[in-house]
Amino acid sequence: MKSTSLPFVVARQAVSATAWIAGKPQAPDKPLTEQLDDWDSAAKLPVHTELRIEPSRLRAETGLEWGSRLRLCSGWHCEATRTREVLHTHDVVLDESAAQELVVTPSFSLLGPSLARSVRLESRLVLVEAGPGSSRIAAKIPGSILWAFEQELVLEGQKSRFPMEWADFRSSVYSDDAAWALDWDPQELECSTLGGVKLLLNQSHRVTAPLLRESPPSDAAKLLWDTIHFDIARQLVEGALTNDDFVENSGHYGEGTLGATVRRMIEVHFPYHNITTLRALVVRSRTQFETLLQASLRMYGSK
């Protein structure tokens, strides 16, 4: 395979970044790990990082001359919701009299309703204008990326966003052979999400119970969790669409309610359908609805 290279030189050591940290700079919490097990889709998550630039080294590495103008841009990108936002910018001028090191602290909040599955936090240093006398191998086109740092956060791992517990289906109303059950009432959408819906896992199921207890999960367990997540989303959306009040007044459900949770699910997974047309789609072709949901959830690692 033929390798490709950029038509200009980039920064290699002149710019550095710390891992993103939860909380605001004046009240930091903890470094963000790959997976946010306590992610709350109804809340804001403030995040920040620290970027350091050495102007003299940056000039030497990029071939840009003094007077060149650059811009640091930080934000996030969520593939599942097809959304990208740049929420922090800082203009940088390569100045011979500048300090030996420039420190910038991008800070913003991730908004739960705009995100799903995972989010990529991004920082980039881009060219605004090359100064006179810059090297012929230096970037010339505004917007050229001279340095980038990305960090992926998984928002929806193997844990559910609502209560989940083990139950012995042999002593319940559910069939002994069922692997799981979603305990909820689609006519009770005013209740809180945490109190109004619960995923019950059959602890006596000889095939699925061992898989669901695996940590870390095997490939087979991951496939099973994907199936459960799809079934949860399908039941919640289809169930809510049987509620006439939800179809007619989905916007009036307050934050933290089950109705608001389902409304956000629909906004994320069916961005091109309003509530009324989505119910019509379910009635007309439930198969089409379910395949759209499968695709949106990226089931089984699909792209």
C-alpha atoms as a PDB file:
ATOM      1  CA  MET A   1       0.000   0.000   0.000  1.00  0.00           C
ATOM      2  CA  LYS A   2       1.353   3.394  -0.957  1.00  0.00           C
ATOM      3  CA  SER A   3       1.981   5.658   2.033  1.00  0.00           C
ATOM      4  CA  THR A   4       0.778   9.243   1.989  1.00  0.00           C
ATOM      5  CA  SER A   5       2.242  12.312   3.645  1.00  0.00           C
ATOM      6  CA  LEU A   6       1.080  15.840   4.284  1.00  0.00           C
ATOM      7  CA  PRO A   7       2.245  18.507   1.806  1.00  0.00           C
ATOM      8  CA  PHE A   8       3.612  20.553   4.734  1.00  0.00           C
ATOM      9  CA  VAL A   9       5.489  19.978   7.970  1.00  0.00           C
ATOM     10  CA  VAL A  10       3.606  19.797  11.271  1.00  0.00           C
ATOM     11  CA  ALA A  11       4.321  20.302  14.960  1.00  0.00           C
ATOM     12  CA  ARG A  12       5.729  17.226  16.688  1.00  0.00           C
ATOM     13  CA  GLN A  13       6.927  18.257  20.141  1.00  0.00           C
ATOM     14  CA  ALA A  14       6.140  21.957  20.293  1.00  0.00           C
ATOM     15  CA  VAL A  15       2.546  21.377  21.416  1.00  0.00           C
ATOM     16  CA  SER A  16       1.395  19.033  24.182  1.00  0.00           C
ATOM     17  CA  ALA A  17      -1.884  18.232  25.927  1.00  0.00           C
ATOM     18  CA  THR A  18      -3.006  16.603  29.139  1.00  0.00           C
ATOM     19  CA  ALA A  19      -5.794  14.033  29.213  1.00  0.00           C
ATOM     20  CA  TRP A  20      -9.214  15.625  29.488  1.00  0.00           C
ATOM     21  CA  ILE A  21     -10.418  16.133  33.060  1.00  0.00           C
ATOM     22  CA  ALA A  22     -13.977  16.176  34.408  1.00  0.00           C
ATOM     23  CA  GLY A  23     -15.019  19.388  36.155  1.00  0.00           C
ATOM     24  CA  LYS A  24     -14.050  23.007  35.650  1.00  0.00           C
ATOM     25  CA  PRO A  25     -10.416  24.194  35.815  1.00  0.00           C
ATOM     26  CA  GLN A  26     -11.009  25.879  39.180  1.00  0.00           C
ATOM     27  CA  ALA A  27     -12.728  22.748  40.560  1.00  0.00           C
ATOM     28  CA  PRO A  28     -11.261  19.696  38.796  1.00  0.00           C
ATOM     29  CA  ASP A  29     -12.718  16.293  39.530  1.00  0.00           C
ATOM     30  CA  LYS A  30     -10.758  13.439  37.941  1.00  0.00           C
ATOM     31  CA  PRO A  31      -9.099  12.500  34.631  1.00  0.00           C
ATOM     32  CA  LEU A  32     -11.613  11.030  32.215  1.00  0.00           C
ATOM     33  CA  THR A  33     -11.155   7.354  31.473  1.00  0.00           C
ATOM     34  CA  GLU A  34     -12.125   5.520  28.304  1.00  0.00           C
ATOM     35  CA  GLN A  35     -15.595   4.657  29.622  1.00  0.00           C
ATOM     36  CA  LEU A  36     -17.972   6.783  31.715  1.00  0.00           C
ATOM     37  CA  ASP A  37     -19.926   4.244  33.723  1.00  0.00           C
ATOM     38  CA  ASP A  38     -21.809   6.972  35.615  1.00  0.00           C
ATOM     39  CA  TRP A  39     -22.793   8.966  32.513  1.00  0.00           C
ATOM     40  CA  ASP A  40     -26.116  10.782  32.976  1.00  0.00           C
ATOM     41  CA  SER A  41     -27.772  11.718  29.680  1.00  0.00           C
ATOM     42  CA  ALA A  42     -29.918  14.336  31.438  1.00  0.00           C
ATOM     43  CA  ALA A  43     -26.985  16.265  32.916  1.00  0.00           C
ATOM     44  CA  LYS A  44     -24.130  18.475  31.762  1.00  0.00           C
ATOM     45  CA  LEU A  45     -20.577  17.222  32.099  1.00  0.00           C
ATOM     46  CA  PRO A  46     -17.995  20.040  32.387  1.00  0.00           C
ATOM     47  CA  VAL A  47     -14.591  19.078  30.985  1.00  0.00           C
ATOM     48  CA  HIS A  48     -11.250  20.785  30.471  1.00  0.00           C
ATOM     49  CA  THR A  49      -7.695  20.109  29.381  1.00  0.00           C
ATOM     50  CA  GLU A  50      -4.394  21.962  29.392  1.00  0.00           C
ATOM     51  CA  LEU A  51      -2.509  22.735  26.200  1.00  0.00           C
ATOM     52  CA  ARG A  52       1.095  23.965  26.154  1.00  0.00           C
ATOM     53  CA  ILE A  53       2.844  25.602  23.212  1.00  0.00           C
ATOM     54  CA  GLU A  54       6.521  26.510  22.837  1.00  0.00           C
ATOM     55  CA  PRO A  55       6.521  29.282  20.179  1.00  0.00           C
ATOM     56  CA  SER A  56      10.215  29.009  19.268  1.00  0.00           C
ATOM     57  CA  ARG A  57      10.072  25.231  18.877  1.00  0.00           C
ATOM     58  CA  LEU A  58       6.778  25.525  16.969  1.00  0.00           C
ATOM     59  CA  ARG A  59       8.403  27.947  14.513  1.00  0.00           C
ATOM     60  CA  ALA A  60      11.337  25.565  14.025  1.00  0.00           C
ATOM     61  CA  GLU A  61       9.176  22.463  13.551  1.00  0.00           C
ATOM     62  CA  THR A  62       6.592  23.968  11.195  1.00  0.00           C
ATOM     63  CA  GLY A  63       8.772  26.292   9.146  1.00  0.00           C
ATOM     64  CA  LEU A  64       6.432  29.180   9.879  1.00  0.00           C
ATOM     65  CA  GLU A  65       8.028  32.576  10.358  1.00  0.00           C
ATOM     66  CA  TRP A  66       7.428  35.081  13.112  1.00  0.00           C
ATOM     67  CA  GLY A  67       4.142  36.891  12.584  1.00  0.00           C
ATOM     68  CA  SER A  68       2.293  33.747  11.518  1.00  0.00           C
ATOM     69  CA  ARG A  69      -1.217  33.523  12.965  1.00  0.00           C
ATOM     70  CA  LEU A  70      -2.640  30.264  14.315  1.00  0.00           C
ATOM     71  CA  ARG A  71      -5.735  29.174  16.195  1.00  0.00           C
ATOM     72  CA  LEU A  72      -6.293  26.510  18.847  1.00  0.00           C
ATOM     73  CA  CYS A  73      -9.751  24.939  18.481  1.00  0.00           C
ATOM     74  CA  SER A  74     -11.293  22.521  20.995  1.00  0.00           C
ATOM     75  CA  GLY A  75     -14.663  20.785  21.028  1.00  0.00           C
ATOM     76  CA  TRP A  76     -16.343  17.441  20.532  1.00  0.00           C
ATOM     77  CA  HIS A  77     -17.644  15.123  17.822  1.00  0.00           C
ATOM     78  CA  CYS A  78     -20.360  12.476  18.226  1.00  0.00           C
ATOM     79  CA  GLU A  79     -20.679  10.102  15.284  1.00  0.00           C
ATOM     80  CA  ALA A  80     -23.937   8.559  16.531  1.00  0.00           C
ATOM     81  CA  THR A  81     -25.774  11.906  16.494  1.00  0.00           C
ATOM     82  CA  ARG A  82     -23.757  13.264  13.546  1.00  0.00           C
ATOM     83  CA  THR A  83     -22.889  16.354  15.573  1.00  0.00           C
ATOM     84  CA  ARG A  84     -19.669  18.321  15.975  1.00  0.00           C
ATOM     85  CA  GLU A  85     -19.133  21.513  17.954  1.00  0.00           C
ATOM     86  CA  VAL A  86     -16.118  23.769  18.430  1.00  0.00           C
ATOM     87  CA  LEU A  87     -16.661  25.369  21.831  1.00  0.00           C
ATOM     88  CA  HIS A  88     -13.298  26.955  22.635  1.00  0.00           C
ATOM     89  CA  THR A  89     -10.867  28.880  20.445  1.00  0.00           C
ATOM     90  CA  HIS A  90      -7.670  30.730  21.245  1.00  0.00           C
ATOM     91  CA  ASP A  91      -5.728  32.787  18.707  1.00  0.00           C
ATOM     92  CA  VAL A  92      -1.955  32.439  18.714  1.00  0.00           C
ATOM     93  CA  VAL A  93       0.548  34.754  17.024  1.00  0.00           C
ATOM     94  CA  LEU A  94       4.131  33.579  16.639  1.00  0.00           C
ATOM     95  CA  ASP A  95       5.879  36.503  18.308  1.00  0.00           C
ATOM     96  CA  GLU A  96       9.620  36.665  18.809  1.00  0.00           C
ATOM     97  CA  SER A  97       9.105  38.430  22.129  1.00  0.00           C
ATOM     98  CA  ALA A  98       6.509  35.942  23.420  1.00  0.00           C
ATOM     99  CA  ALA A  99       7.056  33.896  26.547  1.00  0.00           C
ATOM    100  CA  GLN A 100       8.925  30.606  26.240  1.00  0.00           C
ATOM    101  CA  GLU A 101       5.701  28.686  26.854  1.00  0.00           C
ATOM    102  CA  LEU A 102       2.042  29.495  26.266  1.00  0.00           C
ATOM    103  CA  VAL A 103      -0.555  27.692  28.411  1.00  0.00           C
ATOM    104  CA  VAL A 104      -4.186  27.474  27.270  1.00  0.00           C
ATOM    105  CA  THR A 105      -6.987  25.758  29.215  1.00  0.00           C
ATOM    106  CA  PRO A 106      -9.986  24.873  27.002  1.00  0.00           C
ATOM    107  CA  SER A 107     -13.126  24.354  29.089  1.00  0.00           C
ATOM    108  CA  PHE A 108     -16.727  23.579  28.113  1.00  0.00           C
ATOM    109  CA  SER A 109     -19.640  21.284  28.979  1.00  0.00           C
ATOM    110  CA  LEU A 110     -20.891  18.184  27.189  1.00  0.00           C
ATOM    111  CA  LEU A 111     -24.686  18.223  26.875  1.00  0.00           C
ATOM    112  CA  GLY A 112     -26.288  14.818  27.397  1.00  0.00           C
ATOM    113  CA  PRO A 113     -29.222  15.180  24.956  1.00  0.00           C
ATOM    114  CA  SER A 114     -26.783  15.854  22.082  1.00  0.00           C
ATOM    115  CA  LEU A 115     -24.740  12.703  22.636  1.00  0.00           C
ATOM    116  CA  ALA A 116     -25.089   8.955  22.274  1.00  0.00           C
ATOM    117  CA  ARG A 117     -22.840   5.893  22.590  1.00  0.00           C
ATOM    118  CA  SER A 118     -19.513   7.753  22.529  1.00  0.00           C
ATOM    119  CA  VAL A 119     -18.009  11.198  22.080  1.00  0.00           C
ATOM    120  CA  ARG A 120     -14.583  12.260  20.841  1.00  0.00           C
ATOM    121  CA  LEU A 121     -12.986  15.264  22.553  1.00  0.00           C
ATOM    122  CA  GLU A 122     -10.775  17.131  20.109  1.00  0.00           C
ATOM    123  CA  SER A 123      -8.125  19.857  20.131  1.00  0.00           C
ATOM    124  CA  ARG A 124      -6.461  21.154  16.984  1.00  0.00           C
ATOM    125  CA  LEU A 125      -3.936  23.832  16.092  1.00  0.00           C
ATOM    126  CA  VAL A 126      -4.769  25.244  12.660  1.00  0.00           C
ATOM    127  CA  LEU A 127      -3.172  27.804  10.421  1.00  0.00           C
ATOM    128  CA  VAL A 128      -4.875  31.176   9.999  1.00  0.00           C
ATOM    129  CA  GLU A 129      -2.131  32.941   8.016  1.00  0.00           C
ATOM    130  CA  ALA A 130       1.515  32.129   7.333  1.00  0.00           C
ATOM    131  CA  GLY A 131       3.908  34.975   8.091  1.00  0.00           C
ATOM    132  CA  PRO A 132       6.147  36.537   5.415  1.00  0.00           C
ATOM    133  CA  GLY A 133       9.276  34.525   4.774  1.00  0.00           C
ATOM    134  CA  SER A 134       7.848  31.186   5.931  1.00  0.00           C
ATOM    135  CA  SER A 135       9.578  28.096   4.582  1.00  0.00           C
ATOM    136  CA  ARG A 136       8.430  26.628   1.266  1.00  0.00           C
ATOM    137  CA  ILE A 137       7.579  23.402   3.138  1.00  0.00           C
ATOM    138  CA  ALA A 138       5.439  25.248   5.692  1.00  0.00           C
ATOM    139  CA  ALA A 139       1.633  25.141   5.588  1.00  0.00           C
ATOM    140  CA  LYS A 140       0.145  27.840   3.363  1.00  0.00           C
ATOM    141  CA  ILE A 141      -3.601  27.154   3.236  1.00  0.00           C
ATOM    142  CA  PRO A 142      -5.736  28.574   6.071  1.00  0.00           C
ATOM    143  CA  GLY A 143      -7.299  25.754   8.075  1.00  0.00           C
ATOM    144  CA  SER A 144      -4.329  23.404   7.640  1.00  0.00           C
ATOM    145  CA  ILE A 145      -4.035  21.249  10.771  1.00  0.00           C
ATOM    146  CA  LEU A 146      -0.578  21.562  12.317  1.00  0.00           C
ATOM    147  CA  TRP A 147      -1.261  19.506  15.455  1.00  0.00           C
ATOM    148  CA  ALA A 148      -4.181  17.465  16.829  1.00  0.00           C
ATOM    149  CA  PHE A 149      -5.108  15.607  20.012  1.00  0.00           C
ATOM    150  CA  GLU A 150      -8.191  13.377  20.391  1.00  0.00           C
ATOM    151  CA  GLN A 151      -9.654  11.379  23.262  1.00  0.00           C
ATOM    152  CA  GLU A 152     -12.571   8.960  22.860  1.00  0.00           C
ATOM    153  CA  LEU A 153     -15.087   8.541  25.699  1.00  0.00           C
ATOM    154  CA  VAL A 154     -17.564   5.660  25.679  1.00  0.00           C
ATOM    155  CA  LEU A 155     -20.830   6.914  27.181  1.00  0.00           C
ATOM    156  CA  GLU A 156     -22.841   3.745  26.897  1.00  0.00           C
ATOM    157  CA  GLY A 157     -20.854   0.704  27.873  1.00  0.00           C
ATOM    158  CA  GLN A 158     -22.173  -2.578  29.186  1.00  0.00           C
ATOM    159  CA  LYS A 159     -24.172  -0.828  31.893  1.00  0.00           C
ATOM    160  CA  SER A 160     -27.705   0.372  31.464  1.00  0.00           C
ATOM    161  CA  ARG A 161     -28.755   3.987  31.961  1.00  0.00           C
ATOM    162  CA  PHE A 162     -31.511   2.877  34.302  1.00  0.00           C
ATOM    163  CA  PRO A 163     -31.723   0.375  37.173  1.00  0.00           C
ATOM    164  CA  MET A 164     -30.834  -3.196  36.404  1.00  0.00           C
ATOM    165  CA  GLU A 165     -31.054  -6.152  38.758  1.00  0.00           C
ATOM    166  CA  TRP A 166     -30.932  -9.921  38.827  1.00  0.00           C
ATOM    167  CA  ALA A 167     -34.157 -11.832  39.409  1.00  0.00           C
ATOM    168  CA  ASP A 168     -35.150 -15.485  39.558  1.00  0.00           C
ATOM    169  CA  PHE A 169     -37.815 -15.813  36.881  1.00  0.00           C
ATOM    170  CA  ARG A 170     -38.876 -19.172  38.366  1.00  0.00           C
ATOM    171  CA  SER A 171     -40.560 -17.232  41.159  1.00  0.00           C
ATOM    172  CA  SER A 172     -41.897 -14.358  39.055  1.00  0.00           C
ATOM    173  CA  VAL A 173     -44.628 -13.660  36.528  1.00  0.00           C
ATOM    174  CA  TYR A 174     -42.105 -14.038  33.709  1.00  0.00           C
ATOM    175  CA  SER A 175     -41.382 -17.237  31.802  1.00  0.00           C
ATOM    176  CA  ASP A 176     -38.585 -19.372  33.268  1.00  0.00           C
ATOM    177  CA  ASP A 177     -36.945 -19.580  29.841  1.00  0.00           C
ATOM    178  CA  ALA A 178     -36.830 -15.813  29.234  1.00  0.00           C
ATOM    179  CA  ALA A 179     -33.390 -14.208  29.540  1.00  0.00           C
ATOM    180  CA  TRP A 180     -34.481 -10.696  30.511  1.00  0.00           C
ATOM    181  CA  ALA A 181     -37.533  -8.490  30.939  1.00  0.00           C
ATOM    182  CA  LEU A 182     -38.074  -4.737  30.826  1.00  0.00           C
ATOM    183  CA  ASP A 183     -40.347  -3.771  33.705  1.00  0.00           C
ATOM    184  CA  TRP A 184     -42.185  -0.529  32.876  1.00  0.00           C
ATOM    185  CA  ASP A 185     -45.535   1.012  31.903  1.00  0.00           C
ATOM    186  CA  PRO A 186     -45.719   3.078  28.677  1.00  0.00           C
ATOM    187  CA  GLN A 187     -48.696   4.941  30.107  1.00  0.00           C
ATOM    188  CA  GLU A 188     -46.632   6.222  33.060  1.00  0.00           C
ATOM    189  CA  LEU A 189     -44.178   8.523  31.312  1.00  0.00           C
ATOM    190  CA  GLU A 190     -44.380  11.301  33.921  1.00  0.00           C
ATOM    191  CA  CYS A 191     -42.487   9.172  36.457  1.00  0.00           C
ATOM    192  CA  SER A 192     -38.721   9.452  36.826  1.00  0.00           C
ATOM    193  CA  THR A 193     -36.564   7.338  34.538  1.00  0.00           C
ATOM    194  CA  LEU A 194     -34.741   5.870  37.513  1.00  0.00           C
ATOM    195  CA  GLY A 195     -37.964   4.883  39.221  1.00  0.00           C
ATOM    196  CA  GLY A 196     -40.140   4.029  36.252  1.00  0.00           C
ATOM    197  CA  VAL A 197     -38.159   1.430  34.347  1.00  0.00           C
ATOM    198  CA  LYS A 198     -36.033  -1.525  35.379  1.00  0.00           C
ATOM    199  CA  LEU A 199     -34.163  -4.187  33.444  1.00  0.00           C
ATOM    200  CA  LEU A 200     -34.554  -7.613  35.048  1.00  0.00           C
ATOM    201  CA  LEU A 201     -31.969 -10.270  34.191  1.00  0.00           C
ATOM    202  CA  ASN A 202     -32.922 -13.899  34.735  1.00  0.00           C
ATOM    203  CA  GLN A 203     -30.297 -15.246  37.124  1.00  0.00           C
ATOM    204  CA  SER A 204     -31.456 -18.821  36.529  1.00  0.00           C
ATOM    205  CA  HIS A 205     -30.990 -18.774  32.766  1.00  0.00           C
ATOM    206  CA  ARG A 206     -28.200 -21.253  32.152  1.00  0.00           C
ATOM    207  CA  VAL A 207     -26.918 -19.671  28.902  1.00  0.00           C
ATOM    208  CA  THR A 208     -27.290 -15.910  29.277  1.00  0.00           C
ATOM    209  CA  ALA A 209     -26.692 -15.459  33.017  1.00  0.00           C
ATOM    210  CA  PRO A 210     -23.020 -16.561  32.878  1.00  0.00           C
ATOM    211  CA  LEU A 211     -22.395 -14.366  29.819  1.00  0.00           C
ATOM    212  CA  LEU A 212     -23.950 -11.268  31.399  1.00  0.00           C
ATOM    213  CA  ARG A 213     -21.797 -11.696  34.486  1.00  0.00           C
ATOM    214  CA  GLU A 214     -18.539 -11.740  32.523  1.00  0.00           C
ATOM    215  CA  SER A 215     -16.046  -8.965  33.322  1.00  0.00           C
ATOM    216  CA  PRO A 216     -14.487  -8.056  31.042  1.00  0.00           C
ATOM    217  CA  PRO A 217     -17.141  -9.275  28.605  1.00  0.00           C
ATOM    218  CA  SER A 218     -16.216 -11.792  25.930  1.00  0.00           C
ATOM    219  CA  ASP A 219     -17.223 -11.269  22.296  1.00  0.00           C
ATOM    220  CA  ALA A 220     -20.280 -13.451  22.887  1.00  0.00           C
ATOM    221  CA  ALA A 221     -21.261 -11.361  25.910  1.00  0.00           C
ATOM    222  CA  LYS A 222     -20.862  -8.135  23.925  1.00  0.00           C
ATOM    223  CA  LEU A 223     -23.182  -9.472  21.243  1.00  0.00           C
ATOM    224  CA  LEU A 224     -25.717 -10.364  23.907  1.00  0.00           C
ATOM    225  CA  TRP A 225     -25.536  -6.890  25.459  1.00  0.00           C
ATOM    226  CA  ASP A 226     -26.008  -5.357  21.993  1.00  0.00           C
ATOM    227  CA  THR A 227     -29.174  -7.404  21.590  1.00  0.00           C
ATOM    228  CA  ILE A 228     -30.456  -6.338  25.013  1.00  0.00           C
ATOM    229  CA  HIS A 229     -29.754  -2.668  24.315  1.00  0.00           C
ATOM    230  CA  PHE A 230     -31.636  -2.924  21.032  1.00  0.00           C
ATOM    231  CA  ASP A 231     -34.593  -4.601  22.734  1.00  0.00           C
ATOM    232  CA  ILE A 232     -34.688  -1.906  25.421  1.00  0.00           C
ATOM    233  CA  ALA A 233     -34.650   0.918  22.855  1.00  0.00           C
ATOM    234  CA  ARG A 234     -37.262  -0.830  20.714  1.00  0.00           C
ATOM    235  CA  GLN A 235     -39.633  -1.412  23.637  1.00  0.00           C
ATOM    236  CA  LEU A 236     -39.279   2.121  25.004  1.00  0.00           C
ATOM    237  CA  VAL A 237     -39.813   3.877  21.674  1.00  0.00           C
ATOM    238  CA  GLU A 238     -42.611   1.612  20.452  1.00  0.00           C
ATOM    239  CA  GLY A 239     -44.284   1.690  23.852  1.00  0.00           C
ATOM    240  CA  ALA A 240     -44.180   5.483  24.120  1.00  0.00           C
ATOM    241  CA  LEU A 241     -45.655   5.800  20.642  1.00  0.00           C
ATOM    242  CA  THR A 242     -48.753   3.937  21.889  1.00  0.00           C
ATOM    243  CA  ASN A 243     -49.277   6.749  24.402  1.00  0.00           C
ATOM    244  CA  ASP A 244     -51.445   9.409  22.733  1.00  0.00           C
ATOM    245  CA  ASP A 245     -50.357  12.076  25.215  1.00  0.00           C
ATOM    246  CA  PHE A 246     -46.709  11.446  24.355  1.00  0.00           C
ATOM    247  CA  VAL A 247     -47.369  11.665  20.612  1.00  0.00           C
ATOM    248  CA  GLU A 248     -49.309  14.920  20.986  1.00  0.00           C
ATOM    249  CA  ASN A 249     -47.284  16.584  23.757  1.00  0.00           C
ATOM    250  CA  SER A 250     -43.840  14.970  23.880  1.00  0.00           C
ATOM    251  CA  GLY A 251     -42.203  18.318  24.636  1.00  0.00           C
ATOM    252  CA  HIS A 252     -43.951  18.858  27.949  1.00  0.00           C
ATOM    253  CA  TYR A 253     -42.192  16.059  29.849  1.00  0.00           C
ATOM    254  CA  GLY A 254     -39.723  17.519  32.335  1.00  0.00           C
ATOM    255  CA  GLU A 255     -36.064  16.624  32.729  1.00  0.00           C
ATOM    256  CA  GLY A 256     -35.512  13.346  34.502  1.00  0.00           C
ATOM    257  CA  THR A 257     -38.857  11.876  33.473  1.00  0.00           C
ATOM    258  CA  LEU A 258     -39.201   8.730  31.429  1.00  0.00           C
ATOM    259  CA  GLY A 259     -41.032  10.699  28.741  1.00  0.00           C
ATOM    260  CA  ALA A 260     -38.078  13.078  28.356  1.00  0.00           C
ATOM    261  CA  THR A 261     -35.674  10.131  28.172  1.00  0.00           C
ATOM    262  CA  VAL A 262     -37.639   8.482  25.368  1.00  0.00           C
ATOM    263  CA  ARG A 263     -37.995  11.806  23.569  1.00  0.00           C
ATOM    264  CA  ARG A 264     -34.196  12.210  23.558  1.00  0.00           C
ATOM    265  CA  MET A 265     -33.778   8.651  22.329  1.00  0.00           C
ATOM    266  CA  ILE A 266     -36.028   9.444  19.389  1.00  0.00           C
ATOM    267  CA  GLU A 267     -34.155  12.684  18.645  1.00  0.00           C
ATOM    268  CA  VAL A 268     -30.841  10.801  18.624  1.00  0.00           C
ATOM    269  CA  HIS A 269     -31.820   7.628  16.778  1.00  0.00           C
ATOM    270  CA  PHE A 270     -34.445   9.067  14.413  1.00  0.00           C
ATOM    271  CA  PRO A 271     -33.182  12.603  13.664  1.00  0.00           C
ATOM    272  CA  TYR A 272     -35.186  12.851  10.430  1.00  0.00           C
ATOM    273  CA  HIS A 273     -38.552  11.778  11.895  1.00  0.00           C
ATOM    274  CA  ASN A 274     -40.861  13.727  14.160  1.00  0.00           C
ATOM    275  CA  ILE A 275     -43.004  11.895  16.707  1.00  0.00           C
ATOM    276  CA  THR A 276     -46.119  11.764  14.520  1.00  0.00           C
ATOM    277  CA  THR A 277     -44.368  10.460  11.408  1.00  0.00           C
ATOM    278  CA  LEU A 278     -42.437   7.952  13.484  1.00  0.00           C
ATOM    279  CA  ARG A 279     -45.639   6.493  14.897  1.00  0.00           C
ATOM    280  CA  ALA A 280     -47.021   6.288  11.363  1.00  0.00           C
ATOM    281  CA  LEU A 281     -43.849   4.450  10.317  1.00  0.00           C
ATOM    282  CA  VAL A 282     -44.231   1.936  13.153  1.00  0.00           C
ATOM    283  CA  VAL A 283     -47.837   1.302  12.166  1.00  0.00           C
ATOM    284  CA  ARG A 284     -47.057   1.071   8.443  1.00  0.00           C
ATOM    285  CA  SER A 285     -43.806  -0.911   8.599  1.00  0.00           C
ATOM    286  CA  ARG A 286     -42.466  -2.036  11.943  1.00  0.00           C
ATOM    287  CA  THR A 287     -39.688  -3.873  10.107  1.00  0.00           C
ATOM    288  CA  GLN A 288     -38.431  -0.637   8.553  1.00  0.00           C
ATOM    289  CA  PHE A 289     -38.574   1.082  11.940  1.00  0.00           C
ATOM    290  CA  GLU A 290     -36.556  -1.687  13.589  1.00  0.00           C
ATOM    291  CA  THR A 291     -33.901  -1.770  10.864  1.00  0.00           C
ATOM    292  CA  LEU A 292     -33.456   2.005  11.200  1.00  0.00           C
ATOM    293  CA  LEU A 293     -33.016   1.552  14.935  1.00  0.00           C
ATOM    294  CA  GLN A 294     -30.495  -1.254  14.393  1.00  0.00           C
ATOM    295  CA  ALA A 295     -28.452   0.974  12.097  1.00  0.00           C
ATOM    296  CA  SER A 296     -28.550   3.926  14.503  1.00  0.00           C
ATOM    297  CA  LEU A 297     -27.439   1.794  17.441  1.00  0.00           C
ATOM    298  CA  ARG A 298     -24.464   0.480  15.401  1.00  0.00           C
ATOM    299  CA  MET A 299     -25.414  -3.043  16.444  1.00  0.00           C
ATOM    300  CA  TYR A 300     -22.754  -5.745  16.364  1.00  0.00           C
ATOM    301  CA  GLY A 301     -20.003  -3.297  15.524  1.00  0.00           C
ATOM    302  CA  SER A 302     -21.563  -2.135  12.252  1.00  0.00           C
ATOM    303  CA  LYS A 303     -20.383   1.125  10.763  1.00  0.00           C
END
